């Protein structure tokens, strides 16, 4: 059962270095990132190169922040997943309600 002790040790060390403010920032960053994906897609489809390029630049900056943190501590993947899920969900619900109103 040595492998189980190793897993417990890894979780313990990562949990000790887990910071809730960093997790909140990652959550918000990935929430915004998914909203920006929609804006980026609209800019590309509507052939607006400056808007698409600016949005892409900001998106990759936010992505790099998240990647840096969850490579240091895998527990930060949780706020990444939750933030991106919520961002996508809200945008899709909003777009669907626009279509239903039309």
Protein backbone atom coordinates (compact mmCIF):
# COMPACT_ATOMS: atom_id res chain seq x y z
CA UNK A 1 0.00 0.00 0.00
CA UNK A 2 3.00 2.25 -0.44
CA UNK A 3 1.44 3.77 -3.58
CA UNK A 4 -1.62 4.86 -1.56
CA UNK A 5 0.63 6.65 0.92
CA UNK A 6 2.35 8.41 -1.99
CA UNK A 7 -1.00 9.60 -3.36
CA UNK A 8 -2.05 10.87 0.06
CA UNK A 9 1.28 12.67 0.39
CA UNK A 10 0.87 14.37 -3.01
CA UNK A 11 -2.67 15.53 -2.18
CA UNK A 12 -1.57 16.73 1.24
CA UNK A 13 1.31 18.79 -0.16
CA UNK A 14 -0.83 20.30 -2.91
CA UNK A 15 -3.68 21.08 -0.54
CA UNK A 16 -1.29 22.86 1.83
CA UNK A 17 -0.11 25.14 -0.98
CA UNK A 18 -3.64 25.73 -2.33
CA UNK A 19 -4.65 29.40 -2.07
CA UNK A 20 -8.35 30.28 -2.25
CA UNK A 21 -7.72 33.77 -3.64
CA UNK A 22 -5.63 32.31 -6.46
CA UNK A 23 -8.38 29.76 -7.09
CA UNK A 24 -10.98 32.55 -7.22
CA UNK A 25 -8.85 34.55 -9.65
CA UNK A 26 -8.40 31.47 -11.86
CA UNK A 27 -12.16 30.82 -11.74
CA UNK A 28 -12.94 34.39 -12.82
CA UNK A 29 -10.19 34.34 -15.47
CA UNK A 30 -11.55 31.18 -17.09
CA UNK A 31 -15.13 32.39 -16.76
CA UNK A 32 -14.13 35.50 -18.71
CA UNK A 33 -12.03 33.43 -21.08
CA UNK A 34 -15.05 31.47 -22.26
CA UNK A 35 -17.00 34.68 -22.80
CA UNK A 36 -14.04 35.98 -24.81
CA UNK A 37 -14.09 32.83 -26.95
CA UNK A 38 -17.58 33.84 -28.09
CA UNK A 39 -16.48 37.42 -28.78
CA UNK A 40 -13.45 36.11 -30.66
CA UNK A 41 -15.62 33.82 -32.77
CA UNK A 42 -18.01 36.66 -33.59
CA UNK A 43 -15.09 38.94 -34.53
CA UNK A 44 -13.61 36.31 -36.86
CA UNK A 45 -16.97 35.49 -38.46
CA UNK A 46 -17.70 39.20 -38.96
CA UNK A 47 -14.18 39.74 -40.37
CA UNK A 48 -13.02 42.24 -37.76
CA UNK A 49 -9.26 41.60 -37.59
CA UNK A 50 -8.34 44.09 -34.85
CA UNK A 51 -11.12 42.91 -32.52
CA UNK A 52 -10.22 39.27 -33.16
CA UNK A 53 -6.50 39.88 -32.60
CA UNK A 54 -7.04 41.89 -29.40
CA UNK A 55 -9.42 39.30 -27.99
CA UNK A 56 -7.05 36.44 -28.87
CA UNK A 57 -4.14 38.21 -27.19
CA UNK A 58 -6.09 38.71 -23.98
CA UNK A 59 -7.40 35.14 -24.08
CA UNK A 60 -3.93 33.64 -24.34
CA UNK A 61 -2.68 35.84 -21.50
CA UNK A 62 -5.46 34.57 -19.23
CA UNK A 63 -4.86 30.99 -20.37
CA UNK A 64 -1.17 31.25 -19.54
CA UNK A 65 -2.00 32.38 -16.00
CA UNK A 66 -4.21 29.35 -15.45
CA UNK A 67 -1.76 26.94 -17.02
CA UNK A 68 1.09 28.27 -14.91
CA UNK A 69 -0.92 27.75 -11.74
CA UNK A 70 -2.27 24.28 -12.40
CA UNK A 71 1.10 22.98 -13.51
CA UNK A 72 2.36 24.08 -10.09
CA UNK A 73 -0.63 22.59 -8.26
CA UNK A 74 -3.08 20.27 -9.99
CA UNK A 75 -5.86 21.27 -7.58
CA UNK A 76 -6.23 24.54 -9.53
CA UNK A 77 -7.77 22.54 -12.37
CA UNK A 78 -11.03 22.60 -10.38
CA UNK A 79 -11.61 26.37 -10.70
CA UNK A 80 -10.52 26.19 -14.36
CA UNK A 81 -13.22 23.64 -15.12
CA UNK A 82 -15.90 25.39 -13.08
CA UNK A 83 -15.13 28.82 -14.53
CA UNK A 84 -15.13 27.62 -18.11
CA UNK A 85 -18.32 25.60 -17.59
CA UNK A 86 -20.17 28.57 -16.09
CA UNK A 87 -18.87 31.01 -18.71
CA UNK A 88 -19.99 28.80 -21.57
CA UNK A 89 -23.34 28.03 -19.95
CA UNK A 90 -24.19 31.70 -19.38
CA UNK A 91 -23.22 32.74 -22.91
CA UNK A 92 -25.26 29.94 -24.50
CA UNK A 93 -28.32 30.72 -22.34
CA UNK A 94 -27.96 34.42 -23.20
CA UNK A 95 -27.68 33.73 -26.93
CA UNK A 96 -30.64 31.34 -26.82
CA UNK A 97 -32.79 33.97 -25.09
CA UNK A 98 -31.86 36.50 -27.81
CA UNK A 99 -33.06 34.05 -30.47
CA UNK A 100 -36.29 33.34 -28.58
CA UNK A 101 -37.04 37.08 -28.29
CA UNK A 102 -36.58 37.65 -32.03
